[in-house]
Amino acid sequence: MQRVKSTQDLELKERLVAVNRVTKVTKGGRTFTFAAIVVVGNEDGIVGYGLGKAGEVAAAMQKATEAAKKNLIQVPVLKGTIPHEQFAKFGGSQVYIQPATHGTGVKAGGAMRAVLESAGVRDVLAKSKGSSNPHNLVKATILALAELRDARTVAANRGVSLSTVFNG
């Protein structure tokens, strides 16, 4: 997983994935608070998520966006798709993402779609199993994207050049 150090000169677009209203019953009546999960990304390989809680939806979204900007990762995107298939689990949610040919589009459900589109993946097949809780789905999808490695990274880790691999 490659974390992004600075958020300056990055044009990050934010997407609201889910808002949860929490009710606390007290002696004086009901108190409502909101929890928002937001995904931010530059649609060019950088993506992050954040959770914000506040008494109003707008304030919760603002807190979530700030948290997401502190939690950015770099994702290898090759020709609009991912380099290889990947499986990840978080809590009760399991996600599977697979590269697709050009023109396929993002075949994924709501929470996974927001993460993949924010990362800049344009062609991918995705499937979620288990829990459909948006919080866990976002975290599992980010985990799967963080485990992706492109050919250059693998070659550098093994100490070989790509030209020797392909030219034999």
C-alpha atoms as a PDB file:
ATOM      1  CA  MET A   1       0.000   0.000   0.000  1.00  0.00           C
ATOM      2  CA  GLN A   2       1.424   3.337  -1.041  1.00  0.00           C
ATOM      3  CA  ARG A   3       0.166   6.312   0.954  1.00  0.00           C
ATOM      4  CA  VAL A   4       0.041   9.782  -0.582  1.00  0.00           C
ATOM      5  CA  LYS A   5       2.111  12.258   1.430  1.00  0.00           C
ATOM      6  CA  SER A   6       0.832  15.712   0.406  1.00  0.00           C
ATOM      7  CA  THR A   7      -2.624  16.748  -0.695  1.00  0.00           C
ATOM      8  CA  GLN A   8      -1.548  20.075  -2.168  1.00  0.00           C
ATOM      9  CA  ASP A   9      -2.043  20.554  -5.907  1.00  0.00           C
ATOM     10  CA  LEU A  10      -4.480  17.609  -6.011  1.00  0.00           C
ATOM     11  CA  GLU A  11      -7.964  18.267  -7.334  1.00  0.00           C
ATOM     12  CA  LEU A  12      -9.969  15.856  -5.235  1.00  0.00           C
ATOM     13  CA  LYS A  13     -13.619  15.165  -5.988  1.00  0.00           C
ATOM     14  CA  GLU A  14     -15.781  14.016  -3.109  1.00  0.00           C
ATOM     15  CA  ARG A  15     -18.630  11.496  -3.261  1.00  0.00           C
ATOM     16  CA  LEU A  16     -21.082  10.914  -0.462  1.00  0.00           C
ATOM     17  CA  VAL A  17     -21.534   7.161  -0.032  1.00  0.00           C
ATOM     18  CA  ALA A  18     -23.929   6.961   2.924  1.00  0.00           C
ATOM     19  CA  VAL A  19     -25.505   9.004   5.694  1.00  0.00           C
ATOM     20  CA  ASN A  20     -26.685   7.282   8.857  1.00  0.00           C
ATOM     21  CA  ARG A  21     -29.047   8.986  11.311  1.00  0.00           C
ATOM     22  CA  VAL A  22     -28.481   7.960  14.917  1.00  0.00           C
ATOM     23  CA  THR A  23     -31.130   8.663  17.551  1.00  0.00           C
ATOM     24  CA  LYS A  24     -30.273   8.946  21.229  1.00  0.00           C
ATOM     25  CA  VAL A  25     -33.229   9.054  23.585  1.00  0.00           C
ATOM     26  CA  THR A  26     -32.603  11.148  26.693  1.00  0.00           C
ATOM     27  CA  LYS A  27     -34.717  12.570  29.497  1.00  0.00           C
ATOM     28  CA  GLY A  28     -35.267  15.744  27.458  1.00  0.00           C
ATOM     29  CA  GLY A  29     -36.360  13.912  24.288  1.00  0.00           C
ATOM     30  CA  ARG A  30     -34.664  12.560  21.201  1.00  0.00           C
ATOM     31  CA  THR A  31     -31.266  13.759  19.996  1.00  0.00           C
ATOM     32  CA  PHE A  32     -30.359  13.145  16.353  1.00  0.00           C
ATOM     33  CA  THR A  33     -26.791  12.906  15.103  1.00  0.00           C
ATOM     34  CA  PHE A  34     -25.536  11.990  11.653  1.00  0.00           C
ATOM     35  CA  ALA A  35     -22.647   9.818  10.486  1.00  0.00           C
ATOM     36  CA  ALA A  36     -21.477  10.330   6.901  1.00  0.00           C
ATOM     37  CA  ILE A  37     -18.982   8.273   4.920  1.00  0.00           C
ATOM     38  CA  VAL A  38     -17.300  10.123   2.038  1.00  0.00           C
ATOM     39  CA  VAL A  39     -14.889   8.936  -0.662  1.00  0.00           C
ATOM     40  CA  VAL A  40     -12.475  11.425  -2.252  1.00  0.00           C
ATOM     41  CA  GLY A  41     -10.249  10.901  -5.273  1.00  0.00           C
ATOM     42  CA  ASN A  42      -8.663  12.660  -8.214  1.00  0.00           C
ATOM     43  CA  GLU A  43      -9.931  10.020 -10.693  1.00  0.00           C
ATOM     44  CA  ASP A  44      -6.309   9.359 -11.649  1.00  0.00           C
ATOM     45  CA  GLY A  45      -5.088   6.728  -9.188  1.00  0.00           C
ATOM     46  CA  ILE A  46      -5.517   8.465  -5.830  1.00  0.00           C
ATOM     47  CA  VAL A  47      -8.418   7.613  -3.505  1.00  0.00           C
ATOM     48  CA  GLY A  48      -9.312   7.798   0.191  1.00  0.00           C
ATOM     49  CA  TYR A  49     -12.288   7.537   2.522  1.00  0.00           C
ATOM     50  CA  GLY A  50     -13.373   9.194   5.734  1.00  0.00           C
ATOM     51  CA  LEU A  51     -16.086   9.026   8.379  1.00  0.00           C
ATOM     52  CA  GLY A  52     -17.553  12.137   9.994  1.00  0.00           C
ATOM     53  CA  LYS A  53     -20.085  12.463  12.795  1.00  0.00           C
ATOM     54  CA  ALA A  54     -21.946  15.645  13.701  1.00  0.00           C
ATOM     55  CA  GLY A  55     -25.310  17.094  14.639  1.00  0.00           C
ATOM     56  CA  GLU A  56     -26.020  18.155  11.035  1.00  0.00           C
ATOM     57  CA  VAL A  57     -25.509  16.351   7.726  1.00  0.00           C
ATOM     58  CA  ALA A  58     -23.406  19.151   6.200  1.00  0.00           C
ATOM     59  CA  ALA A  59     -21.049  19.253   9.181  1.00  0.00           C
ATOM     60  CA  ALA A  60     -20.713  15.442   9.142  1.00  0.00           C
ATOM     61  CA  MET A  61     -19.865  15.552   5.419  1.00  0.00           C
ATOM     62  CA  GLN A  62     -17.247  18.261   6.034  1.00  0.00           C
ATOM     63  CA  LYS A  63     -15.613  16.213   8.811  1.00  0.00           C
ATOM     64  CA  ALA A  64     -15.678  13.083   6.644  1.00  0.00           C
ATOM     65  CA  THR A  65     -14.033  14.933   3.742  1.00  0.00           C
ATOM     66  CA  GLU A  66     -11.242  16.208   5.994  1.00  0.00           C
ATOM     67  CA  ALA A  67     -10.695  12.690   7.345  1.00  0.00           C
ATOM     68  CA  ALA A  68     -10.643  11.267   3.807  1.00  0.00           C
ATOM     69  CA  LYS A  69      -7.941  13.733   2.707  1.00  0.00           C
ATOM     70  CA  LYS A  70      -5.703  12.398   5.489  1.00  0.00           C
ATOM     71  CA  ASN A  71      -6.278   8.795   4.368  1.00  0.00           C
ATOM     72  CA  LEU A  72      -5.245   8.782   0.672  1.00  0.00           C
ATOM     73  CA  ILE A  73      -3.616   5.858  -1.128  1.00  0.00           C
ATOM     74  CA  GLN A  74      -2.082   5.449  -4.597  1.00  0.00           C
ATOM     75  CA  VAL A  75      -3.755   2.861  -6.852  1.00  0.00           C
ATOM     76  CA  PRO A  76      -2.139   1.433 -10.021  1.00  0.00           C
ATOM     77  CA  VAL A  77      -4.551   2.086 -12.895  1.00  0.00           C
ATOM     78  CA  LEU A  78      -3.428   0.706 -16.264  1.00  0.00           C
ATOM     79  CA  LYS A  79      -5.383   1.747 -19.377  1.00  0.00           C
ATOM     80  CA  GLY A  80      -8.458   2.502 -17.272  1.00  0.00           C
ATOM     81  CA  THR A  81      -8.544  -0.850 -15.473  1.00  0.00           C
ATOM     82  CA  ILE A  82      -6.736  -2.630 -12.661  1.00  0.00           C
ATOM     83  CA  PRO A  83      -3.606  -4.762 -13.242  1.00  0.00           C
ATOM     84  CA  HIS A  84      -4.969  -8.037 -11.821  1.00  0.00           C
ATOM     85  CA  GLU A  85      -7.888  -9.552  -9.924  1.00  0.00           C
ATOM     86  CA  GLN A  86      -8.042  -9.066  -6.179  1.00  0.00           C
ATOM     87  CA  PHE A  87     -10.099 -10.317  -3.231  1.00  0.00           C
ATOM     88  CA  ALA A  88     -10.398  -8.537   0.135  1.00  0.00           C
ATOM     89  CA  LYS A  89     -12.414  -8.794   3.336  1.00  0.00           C
ATOM     90  CA  PHE A  90     -13.301  -6.263   5.987  1.00  0.00           C
ATOM     91  CA  GLY A  91     -15.659  -7.231   8.767  1.00  0.00           C
ATOM     92  CA  GLY A  92     -18.534  -9.164   7.219  1.00  0.00           C
ATOM     93  CA  SER A  93     -18.018  -7.686   3.744  1.00  0.00           C
ATOM     94  CA  GLN A  94     -16.085  -9.477   1.027  1.00  0.00           C
ATOM     95  CA  VAL A  95     -15.233  -7.866  -2.313  1.00  0.00           C
ATOM     96  CA  TYR A  96     -13.819  -9.251  -5.540  1.00  0.00           C
ATOM     97  CA  ILE A  97     -12.541  -6.970  -8.310  1.00  0.00           C
ATOM     98  CA  GLN A  98     -11.396  -8.117 -11.721  1.00  0.00           C
ATOM     99  CA  PRO A  99      -9.914  -6.247 -14.706  1.00  0.00           C
ATOM    100  CA  ALA A 100     -12.160  -5.738 -17.726  1.00  0.00           C
ATOM    101  CA  THR A 101     -11.616  -4.816 -21.367  1.00  0.00           C
ATOM    102  CA  HIS A 102     -12.007  -1.263 -22.623  1.00  0.00           C
ATOM    103  CA  GLY A 103     -15.640  -0.197 -22.904  1.00  0.00           C
ATOM    104  CA  THR A 104     -16.988  -2.493 -20.184  1.00  0.00           C
ATOM    105  CA  GLY A 105     -17.565   0.274 -17.643  1.00  0.00           C
ATOM    106  CA  VAL A 106     -17.733  -0.024 -13.874  1.00  0.00           C
ATOM    107  CA  LYS A 107     -19.886  -3.054 -13.099  1.00  0.00           C
ATOM    108  CA  ALA A 108     -20.190  -2.601  -9.344  1.00  0.00           C
ATOM    109  CA  GLY A 109     -22.702  -1.781  -6.643  1.00  0.00           C
ATOM    110  CA  GLY A 110     -23.187   1.598  -4.968  1.00  0.00           C
ATOM    111  CA  ALA A 111     -20.465   1.778  -2.318  1.00  0.00           C
ATOM    112  CA  MET A 112     -17.896  -0.086  -4.442  1.00  0.00           C
ATOM    113  CA  ARG A 113     -18.765   2.031  -7.497  1.00  0.00           C
ATOM    114  CA  ALA A 114     -18.029   5.276  -5.623  1.00  0.00           C
ATOM    115  CA  VAL A 115     -14.582   4.044  -4.561  1.00  0.00           C
ATOM    116  CA  LEU A 116     -13.641   2.628  -7.979  1.00  0.00           C
ATOM    117  CA  GLU A 117     -14.798   5.701  -9.920  1.00  0.00           C
ATOM    118  CA  SER A 118     -13.005   8.042  -7.494  1.00  0.00           C
ATOM    119  CA  ALA A 119      -9.824   6.027  -8.038  1.00  0.00           C
ATOM    120  CA  GLY A 120     -10.094   6.518 -11.802  1.00  0.00           C
ATOM    121  CA  VAL A 121     -10.924   2.932 -12.712  1.00  0.00           C
ATOM    122  CA  ARG A 122     -13.187   3.061 -15.795  1.00  0.00           C
ATOM    123  CA  ASP A 123     -13.428  -0.644 -16.714  1.00  0.00           C
ATOM    124  CA  VAL A 124     -13.792  -3.239 -13.972  1.00  0.00           C
ATOM    125  CA  LEU A 125     -15.990  -6.134 -12.891  1.00  0.00           C
ATOM    126  CA  ALA A 126     -16.760  -6.219  -9.178  1.00  0.00           C
ATOM    127  CA  LYS A 127     -18.765  -8.414  -6.855  1.00  0.00           C
ATOM    128  CA  SER A 128     -19.556  -8.026  -3.183  1.00  0.00           C
ATOM    129  CA  LYS A 129     -20.526 -10.906  -0.925  1.00  0.00           C
ATOM    130  CA  GLY A 130     -21.581 -11.036   2.671  1.00  0.00           C
ATOM    131  CA  SER A 131     -22.562  -7.832   4.420  1.00  0.00           C
ATOM    132  CA  SER A 132     -23.754  -4.918   2.265  1.00  0.00           C
ATOM    133  CA  ASN A 133     -22.985  -2.377   5.006  1.00  0.00           C
ATOM    134  CA  PRO A 134     -21.575   0.637   3.079  1.00  0.00           C
ATOM    135  CA  HIS A 135     -18.918   1.344   5.732  1.00  0.00           C
ATOM    136  CA  ASN A 136     -17.448  -2.153   5.509  1.00  0.00           C
ATOM    137  CA  LEU A 137     -17.814  -2.294   1.705  1.00  0.00           C
ATOM    138  CA  VAL A 138     -15.858   0.947   1.278  1.00  0.00           C
ATOM    139  CA  LYS A 139     -13.126  -0.260   3.627  1.00  0.00           C
ATOM    140  CA  ALA A 140     -12.899  -3.672   1.908  1.00  0.00           C
ATOM    141  CA  THR A 141     -12.725  -2.043  -1.548  1.00  0.00           C
ATOM    142  CA  ILE A 142      -9.965   0.343  -0.420  1.00  0.00           C
ATOM    143  CA  LEU A 143      -8.133  -2.653   1.054  1.00  0.00           C
ATOM    144  CA  ALA A 144      -8.400  -4.541  -2.256  1.00  0.00           C
ATOM    145  CA  LEU A 145      -7.146  -1.523  -4.226  1.00  0.00           C
ATOM    146  CA  ALA A 146      -4.266  -1.034  -1.787  1.00  0.00           C
ATOM    147  CA  GLU A 147      -3.064  -4.613  -2.374  1.00  0.00           C
ATOM    148  CA  LEU A 148      -2.846  -4.160  -6.171  1.00  0.00           C
ATOM    149  CA  ARG A 149       0.645  -4.134  -7.708  1.00  0.00           C
ATOM    150  CA  ASP A 150       1.627  -3.269 -11.265  1.00  0.00           C
ATOM    151  CA  ALA A 151       4.353  -4.996 -13.282  1.00  0.00           C
ATOM    152  CA  ARG A 152       6.964  -2.273 -12.650  1.00  0.00           C
ATOM    153  CA  THR A 153       6.555  -2.559  -8.865  1.00  0.00           C
ATOM    154  CA  VAL A 154       6.860  -6.359  -8.930  1.00  0.00           C
ATOM    155  CA  ALA A 155       9.935  -6.184 -11.187  1.00  0.00           C
ATOM    156  CA  ALA A 156      11.579  -3.609  -8.903  1.00  0.00           C
ATOM    157  CA  ASN A 157      10.892  -5.753  -5.825  1.00  0.00           C
ATOM    158  CA  ARG A 158      12.432  -8.795  -7.527  1.00  0.00           C
ATOM    159  CA  GLY A 159      15.432  -6.850  -8.801  1.00  0.00           C
ATOM    160  CA  VAL A 160      14.840  -7.519 -12.523  1.00  0.00           C
ATOM    161  CA  SER A 161      14.053  -5.208 -15.406  1.00  0.00           C
ATOM    162  CA  LEU A 162      10.913  -5.553 -17.477  1.00  0.00           C
ATOM    163  CA  SER A 163      12.902  -5.760 -20.711  1.00  0.00           C
ATOM    164  CA  THR A 164      14.593  -9.013 -19.576  1.00  0.00           C
ATOM    165  CA  VAL A 165      11.229 -10.446 -18.554  1.00  0.00           C
ATOM    166  CA  PHE A 166       9.550  -9.785 -21.894  1.00  0.00           C
ATOM    167  CA  ASN A 167      12.552 -10.284 -24.194  1.00  0.00           C
ATOM    168  CA  GLY A 168      13.718 -13.403 -22.374  1.00  0.00           C
END
